[in-house]
């Protein structure tokens, strides 16, 4: 018996895109989200502001697929400075108080110079329809 895996692309117009990629790709009952940086046009770009903005973008993408942050099973956090690790842990714990997802944290440079954090995620969806 051959299993055919359905794949579909999700893009949220209001989030815009900086290149040829999808905001998320659904494959079966998994949703793979592209990295979201937290820079915004409000002028508020502290680490906390950027983290919350990136999480808000992730939430919008998840909701468009009928999912929520509680359905995230794996998250990767990219930091521009290891000094923000403790602050990131505190913010992460706010969003994932119960059953936090598996996580990898990487300190790196960004293509966008003012970016302080980028988040990507894999979420589990309720069905593979």
N, C-alpha and C. Protein backbone atom coordinates (compact mmCIF):
# COMPACT_ATOMS: atom_id res chain seq x y z
N UNK A 1 0.84 -1.17 0.00
CA UNK A 1 0.00 0.00 0.00
C UNK A 1 0.89 1.24 0.00
N UNK A 2 0.76 2.06 -1.03
CA UNK A 2 1.53 3.29 -1.13
C UNK A 2 0.80 4.44 -0.45
N UNK A 3 1.55 5.19 0.33
CA UNK A 3 0.97 6.34 1.01
C UNK A 3 1.37 7.60 0.26
N UNK A 4 0.41 8.40 -0.13
CA UNK A 4 0.68 9.65 -0.82
C UNK A 4 0.63 10.77 0.19
N UNK A 5 1.73 11.47 0.33
CA UNK A 5 1.82 12.57 1.28
C UNK A 5 1.36 13.85 0.61
N UNK A 6 0.35 14.48 1.16
CA UNK A 6 -0.15 15.73 0.61
C UNK A 6 0.71 16.88 1.12
N UNK A 7 1.00 17.80 0.21
CA UNK A 7 1.82 18.96 0.56
C UNK A 7 1.08 20.20 0.08
N UNK A 8 1.02 21.21 0.95
CA UNK A 8 0.42 22.48 0.57
C UNK A 8 1.20 23.62 1.19
N UNK A 9 1.12 24.76 0.54
CA UNK A 9 1.87 25.96 0.94
C UNK A 9 0.93 26.95 1.62
N UNK A 10 1.44 27.60 2.67
CA UNK A 10 0.66 28.62 3.38
C UNK A 10 1.47 29.92 3.38
N UNK A 11 0.84 30.99 2.93
CA UNK A 11 1.43 32.32 2.98
C UNK A 11 0.41 33.29 3.55
N UNK A 12 0.87 34.22 4.36
CA UNK A 12 0.01 35.23 4.97
C UNK A 12 0.42 36.57 4.36
N UNK A 13 -0.45 37.14 3.53
CA UNK A 13 -0.11 38.37 2.80
C UNK A 13 0.40 39.48 3.70
N UNK A 14 -0.27 39.69 4.84
CA UNK A 14 0.10 40.81 5.72
C UNK A 14 1.52 40.68 6.28
N UNK A 15 2.08 39.46 6.31
CA UNK A 15 3.44 39.27 6.83
C UNK A 15 4.50 39.59 5.80
N UNK A 16 4.14 39.61 4.53
CA UNK A 16 5.12 39.85 3.48
C UNK A 16 6.16 38.74 3.44
N UNK A 17 6.99 38.76 2.42
CA UNK A 17 8.10 37.81 2.31
C UNK A 17 9.28 38.52 1.70
N UNK A 18 10.47 38.18 2.18
CA UNK A 18 11.69 38.83 1.71
C UNK A 18 12.42 38.00 0.65
N UNK A 19 11.76 36.99 0.12
CA UNK A 19 12.42 36.15 -0.87
C UNK A 19 11.50 35.04 -1.35
N UNK A 20 12.06 34.13 -2.13
CA UNK A 20 11.26 33.04 -2.71
C UNK A 20 11.12 31.86 -1.75
N UNK A 21 10.27 32.02 -0.76
CA UNK A 21 10.01 30.95 0.20
C UNK A 21 8.56 31.05 0.66
N UNK A 22 8.07 30.01 1.28
CA UNK A 22 6.72 29.99 1.83
C UNK A 22 6.79 30.25 3.32
N UNK A 23 5.76 30.86 3.88
CA UNK A 23 5.72 31.04 5.33
C UNK A 23 5.65 29.69 6.03
N UNK A 24 4.93 28.75 5.40
CA UNK A 24 4.84 27.41 5.97
C UNK A 24 4.50 26.43 4.87
N UNK A 25 4.88 25.19 5.10
CA UNK A 25 4.52 24.10 4.20
C UNK A 25 3.90 23.00 5.05
N UNK A 26 2.72 22.59 4.64
CA UNK A 26 2.05 21.48 5.32
C UNK A 26 2.38 20.21 4.56
N UNK A 27 2.86 19.20 5.28
CA UNK A 27 3.14 17.89 4.71
C UNK A 27 2.47 16.87 5.62
N UNK A 28 1.38 16.29 5.15
CA UNK A 28 0.63 15.38 6.00
C UNK A 28 0.08 16.12 7.20
N UNK A 29 0.35 15.62 8.40
CA UNK A 29 -0.16 16.30 9.59
C UNK A 29 0.92 17.15 10.28
N UNK A 30 1.98 17.48 9.54
CA UNK A 30 3.02 18.36 10.08
C UNK A 30 3.03 19.68 9.32
N UNK A 31 3.30 20.75 10.06
CA UNK A 31 3.41 22.08 9.48
C UNK A 31 4.81 22.60 9.77
N UNK A 32 5.56 22.89 8.72
CA UNK A 32 6.93 23.39 8.84
C UNK A 32 6.92 24.89 8.57
N UNK A 33 7.27 25.68 9.59
CA UNK A 33 7.25 27.14 9.47
C UNK A 33 8.64 27.67 9.17
N UNK A 34 8.71 28.61 8.24
CA UNK A 34 9.97 29.28 7.94
C UNK A 34 10.35 30.17 9.11
N UNK A 35 11.61 30.55 9.15
CA UNK A 35 12.08 31.44 10.21
C UNK A 35 11.41 32.81 10.14
N UNK A 36 11.00 33.30 11.30
CA UNK A 36 10.37 34.62 11.41
C UNK A 36 11.24 35.50 12.28
N UNK A 37 11.64 36.64 11.73
CA UNK A 37 12.35 37.60 12.55
C UNK A 37 11.33 38.54 13.17
N UNK A 38 11.73 39.25 14.20
CA UNK A 38 10.78 40.07 14.92
C UNK A 38 10.86 41.55 14.65
N UNK A 39 11.69 41.97 13.71
CA UNK A 39 11.74 43.40 13.41
C UNK A 39 10.37 43.87 12.99
N UNK A 40 10.02 45.06 13.42
CA UNK A 40 8.71 45.60 13.06
C UNK A 40 8.84 47.09 12.79
N UNK A 41 7.77 47.67 12.31
CA UNK A 41 7.79 49.09 11.94
C UNK A 41 7.33 50.01 13.07
N UNK A 42 7.18 49.45 14.27
CA UNK A 42 6.68 50.26 15.38
C UNK A 42 7.79 51.08 16.04
N UNK A 43 9.03 50.78 15.70
CA UNK A 43 10.14 51.46 16.35
C UNK A 43 10.57 50.76 17.63
N UNK A 44 9.78 49.78 18.06
CA UNK A 44 10.12 49.00 19.26
C UNK A 44 10.88 47.76 18.80
N UNK A 45 12.16 47.76 19.00
CA UNK A 45 12.95 46.65 18.51
C UNK A 45 13.94 46.13 19.55
N UNK A 46 13.54 46.16 20.82
CA UNK A 46 14.35 45.52 21.85
C UNK A 46 14.30 44.02 21.62
N UNK A 47 15.12 43.27 22.31
CA UNK A 47 15.08 41.82 22.16
C UNK A 47 13.69 41.29 22.48
N UNK A 48 13.11 41.73 23.59
CA UNK A 48 11.78 41.27 23.98
C UNK A 48 10.75 41.60 22.91
N UNK A 49 10.79 42.84 22.39
CA UNK A 49 9.85 43.24 21.34
C UNK A 49 9.97 42.34 20.11
N UNK A 50 11.22 42.07 19.72
CA UNK A 50 11.43 41.24 18.54
C UNK A 50 10.99 39.80 18.78
N UNK A 51 11.25 39.26 19.96
CA UNK A 51 10.83 37.90 20.27
C UNK A 51 9.31 37.80 20.21
N UNK A 52 8.63 38.74 20.85
CA UNK A 52 7.16 38.72 20.87
C UNK A 52 6.59 38.91 19.46
N UNK A 53 7.20 39.77 18.68
CA UNK A 53 6.74 40.00 17.31
C UNK A 53 6.91 38.72 16.47
N UNK A 54 8.04 38.04 16.61
CA UNK A 54 8.26 36.79 15.87
C UNK A 54 7.24 35.74 16.30
N UNK A 55 6.96 35.65 17.59
CA UNK A 55 5.97 34.69 18.08
C UNK A 55 4.57 35.03 17.56
N UNK A 56 4.27 36.32 17.46
CA UNK A 56 2.98 36.74 16.92
C UNK A 56 2.85 36.30 15.46
N UNK A 57 3.91 36.45 14.70
CA UNK A 57 3.89 36.01 13.30
C UNK A 57 3.68 34.50 13.21
N UNK A 58 4.38 33.77 14.05
CA UNK A 58 4.23 32.31 14.08
C UNK A 58 2.80 31.94 14.44
N UNK A 59 2.22 32.62 15.41
CA UNK A 59 0.83 32.36 15.80
C UNK A 59 -0.14 32.59 14.65
N UNK A 60 0.06 33.67 13.89
CA UNK A 60 -0.80 33.96 12.74
C UNK A 60 -0.71 32.86 11.69
N UNK A 61 0.49 32.39 11.43
CA UNK A 61 0.66 31.31 10.45
C UNK A 61 0.00 30.04 10.95
N UNK A 62 0.23 29.71 12.21
CA UNK A 62 -0.38 28.51 12.78
C UNK A 62 -1.91 28.58 12.72
N UNK A 63 -2.46 29.72 13.12
CA UNK A 63 -3.91 29.88 13.13
C UNK A 63 -4.50 29.73 11.74
N UNK A 64 -3.78 30.21 10.72
CA UNK A 64 -4.29 30.08 9.35
C UNK A 64 -4.37 28.62 8.91
N UNK A 65 -3.62 27.76 9.60
CA UNK A 65 -3.64 26.32 9.30
C UNK A 65 -4.51 25.56 10.29
N UNK A 66 -5.19 26.28 11.17
CA UNK A 66 -6.05 25.64 12.16
C UNK A 66 -5.27 25.07 13.33
N UNK A 67 -4.15 25.68 13.65
CA UNK A 67 -3.28 25.18 14.71
C UNK A 67 -2.95 26.30 15.69
N UNK A 68 -2.24 25.95 16.76
CA UNK A 68 -1.91 26.92 17.81
C UNK A 68 -0.49 26.66 18.31
N UNK A 69 0.04 27.59 19.08
CA UNK A 69 1.40 27.41 19.59
C UNK A 69 1.53 26.16 20.44
N UNK A 70 0.47 25.73 21.08
CA UNK A 70 0.50 24.50 21.89
C UNK A 70 0.78 23.27 21.04
N UNK A 71 0.57 23.38 19.72
CA UNK A 71 0.79 22.25 18.80
C UNK A 71 2.22 22.20 18.27
N UNK A 72 3.05 23.16 18.66
CA UNK A 72 4.45 23.16 18.20
C UNK A 72 5.19 22.02 18.89
N UNK A 73 5.86 21.19 18.09
CA UNK A 73 6.62 20.06 18.63
C UNK A 73 8.13 20.30 18.59
N UNK A 74 8.58 21.23 17.75
CA UNK A 74 10.02 21.54 17.65
C UNK A 74 10.18 22.99 17.28
N UNK A 75 11.09 23.66 17.95
CA UNK A 75 11.36 25.06 17.64
C UNK A 75 12.86 25.28 17.60
N UNK A 76 13.28 26.11 16.68
CA UNK A 76 14.67 26.54 16.63
C UNK A 76 14.70 28.04 16.88
N UNK A 77 15.57 28.45 17.79
CA UNK A 77 15.73 29.85 18.14
C UNK A 77 17.12 30.28 17.71
N UNK A 78 17.19 31.32 16.90
CA UNK A 78 18.46 31.88 16.43
C UNK A 78 18.66 33.21 17.14
N UNK A 79 19.77 33.36 17.83
CA UNK A 79 20.08 34.58 18.57
C UNK A 79 21.28 35.28 17.94
N UNK A 80 21.26 36.60 17.90
CA UNK A 80 22.42 37.34 17.40
C UNK A 80 23.49 37.49 18.47
N UNK A 81 23.11 37.30 19.73
CA UNK A 81 24.05 37.51 20.84
C UNK A 81 23.74 36.52 21.97
N UNK A 82 24.72 35.76 22.37
CA UNK A 82 24.49 34.77 23.43
C UNK A 82 24.09 35.41 24.76
N UNK A 83 24.35 36.69 24.91
CA UNK A 83 23.98 37.39 26.15
C UNK A 83 22.46 37.46 26.32
N UNK A 84 21.70 37.23 25.24
CA UNK A 84 20.24 37.29 25.34
C UNK A 84 19.62 35.91 25.66
N UNK A 85 20.46 34.91 25.86
CA UNK A 85 19.97 33.55 26.10
C UNK A 85 19.05 33.46 27.32
N UNK A 86 19.45 34.06 28.42
CA UNK A 86 18.64 34.00 29.64
C UNK A 86 17.30 34.70 29.44
N UNK A 87 17.32 35.86 28.80
CA UNK A 87 16.08 36.59 28.52
C UNK A 87 15.18 35.77 27.60
N UNK A 88 15.78 35.14 26.59
CA UNK A 88 15.01 34.30 25.68
C UNK A 88 14.36 33.15 26.44
N UNK A 89 15.09 32.51 27.35
CA UNK A 89 14.52 31.41 28.13
C UNK A 89 13.29 31.86 28.91
N UNK A 90 13.36 33.04 29.51
CA UNK A 90 12.23 33.57 30.26
C UNK A 90 11.02 33.81 29.37
N UNK A 91 11.25 34.40 28.21
CA UNK A 91 10.16 34.66 27.26
C UNK A 91 9.60 33.34 26.72
N UNK A 92 10.49 32.42 26.40
CA UNK A 92 10.08 31.12 25.88
C UNK A 92 9.16 30.42 26.87
N UNK A 93 9.53 30.51 28.14
CA UNK A 93 8.73 29.86 29.19
C UNK A 93 7.33 30.48 29.30
N UNK A 94 7.21 31.77 29.02
CA UNK A 94 5.90 32.43 29.03
C UNK A 94 4.98 31.82 27.98
N UNK A 95 5.53 31.55 26.81
CA UNK A 95 4.73 31.02 25.70
C UNK A 95 4.49 29.53 25.80
N UNK A 96 5.39 28.82 26.46
CA UNK A 96 5.31 27.36 26.52
C UNK A 96 5.42 26.90 27.97
N UNK A 97 4.43 27.23 28.77
CA UNK A 97 4.43 26.88 30.19
C UNK A 97 4.24 25.39 30.41
N UNK A 98 3.38 24.78 29.60
CA UNK A 98 3.06 23.35 29.75
C UNK A 98 3.54 22.62 28.51
N UNK A 99 4.22 21.52 28.69
CA UNK A 99 4.70 20.69 27.58
C UNK A 99 5.45 21.50 26.52
N UNK A 100 6.56 22.14 26.90
CA UNK A 100 7.31 22.91 25.91
C UNK A 100 7.83 22.00 24.79
N UNK A 101 7.97 22.57 23.59
CA UNK A 101 8.47 21.77 22.47
C UNK A 101 9.96 21.47 22.61
N UNK A 102 10.43 20.51 21.83
CA UNK A 102 11.87 20.32 21.70
C UNK A 102 12.43 21.62 21.13
N UNK A 103 13.66 21.95 21.50
CA UNK A 103 14.21 23.24 21.06
C UNK A 103 15.70 23.14 20.81
N UNK A 104 16.14 23.85 19.80
CA UNK A 104 17.55 24.06 19.53
C UNK A 104 17.77 25.57 19.55
N UNK A 105 18.85 26.01 20.17
CA UNK A 105 19.19 27.43 20.19
C UNK A 105 20.56 27.60 19.55
N UNK A 106 20.64 28.53 18.60
CA UNK A 106 21.86 28.77 17.84
C UNK A 106 22.20 30.25 17.92
N UNK A 107 23.47 30.57 18.16
CA UNK A 107 23.94 31.95 18.11
C UNK A 107 24.57 32.15 16.74
N UNK A 108 24.12 33.18 16.02
CA UNK A 108 24.57 33.36 14.64
C UNK A 108 24.45 34.82 14.21
N UNK A 109 24.88 35.08 13.00
CA UNK A 109 24.68 36.39 12.38
C UNK A 109 23.44 36.33 11.51
N UNK A 110 22.88 37.48 11.18
CA UNK A 110 21.67 37.55 10.35
C UNK A 110 21.93 38.35 9.09
N UNK A 111 21.17 38.05 8.05
CA UNK A 111 21.24 38.81 6.80
C UNK A 111 20.72 40.23 7.05
N UNK A 112 19.69 40.33 7.89
CA UNK A 112 19.13 41.63 8.26
C UNK A 112 19.89 42.10 9.51
N UNK A 113 20.72 43.14 9.39
CA UNK A 113 21.63 43.53 10.47
C UNK A 113 20.99 43.85 11.82
N UNK A 114 19.77 44.40 11.83
CA UNK A 114 19.13 44.79 13.09
C UNK A 114 18.35 43.66 13.76
N UNK A 115 18.30 42.51 13.12
CA UNK A 115 17.57 41.37 13.70
C UNK A 115 18.34 40.85 14.91
N UNK A 116 17.60 40.59 15.99
CA UNK A 116 18.19 40.07 17.22
C UNK A 116 17.81 38.62 17.46
N UNK A 117 16.68 38.19 16.86
CA UNK A 117 16.18 36.83 17.08
C UNK A 117 15.37 36.39 15.86
N UNK A 118 15.45 35.11 15.58
CA UNK A 118 14.63 34.49 14.54
C UNK A 118 14.12 33.16 15.09
N UNK A 119 12.87 32.85 14.78
CA UNK A 119 12.26 31.61 15.28
C UNK A 119 11.70 30.82 14.12
N UNK A 120 11.93 29.52 14.11
CA UNK A 120 11.21 28.66 13.19
C UNK A 120 10.62 27.50 13.98
N UNK A 121 9.66 26.82 13.39
CA UNK A 121 8.94 25.81 14.17
C UNK A 121 8.39 24.69 13.29
N UNK A 122 8.12 23.58 13.94
CA UNK A 122 7.38 22.48 13.34
C UNK A 122 6.21 22.21 14.27
N UNK A 123 5.01 22.18 13.70
CA UNK A 123 3.80 21.93 14.50
C UNK A 123 3.08 20.71 13.98
N UNK A 124 2.37 20.07 14.87
CA UNK A 124 1.57 18.91 14.52
C UNK A 124 0.12 19.36 14.34
N UNK A 125 -0.49 18.95 13.25
CA UNK A 125 -1.87 19.32 12.98
C UNK A 125 -2.78 18.15 13.32
N UNK A 126 -4.04 18.44 13.50
CA UNK A 126 -4.97 17.42 13.98
C UNK A 126 -5.24 16.32 12.97
N UNK A 127 -5.15 16.62 11.67
CA UNK A 127 -5.37 15.58 10.66
C UNK A 127 -4.54 15.88 9.43
N UNK A 128 -4.46 14.92 8.52
CA UNK A 128 -3.66 15.15 7.31
C UNK A 128 -4.52 15.44 6.09
N UNK A 129 -5.67 16.03 6.30
CA UNK A 129 -6.56 16.38 5.20
C UNK A 129 -6.07 17.63 4.50
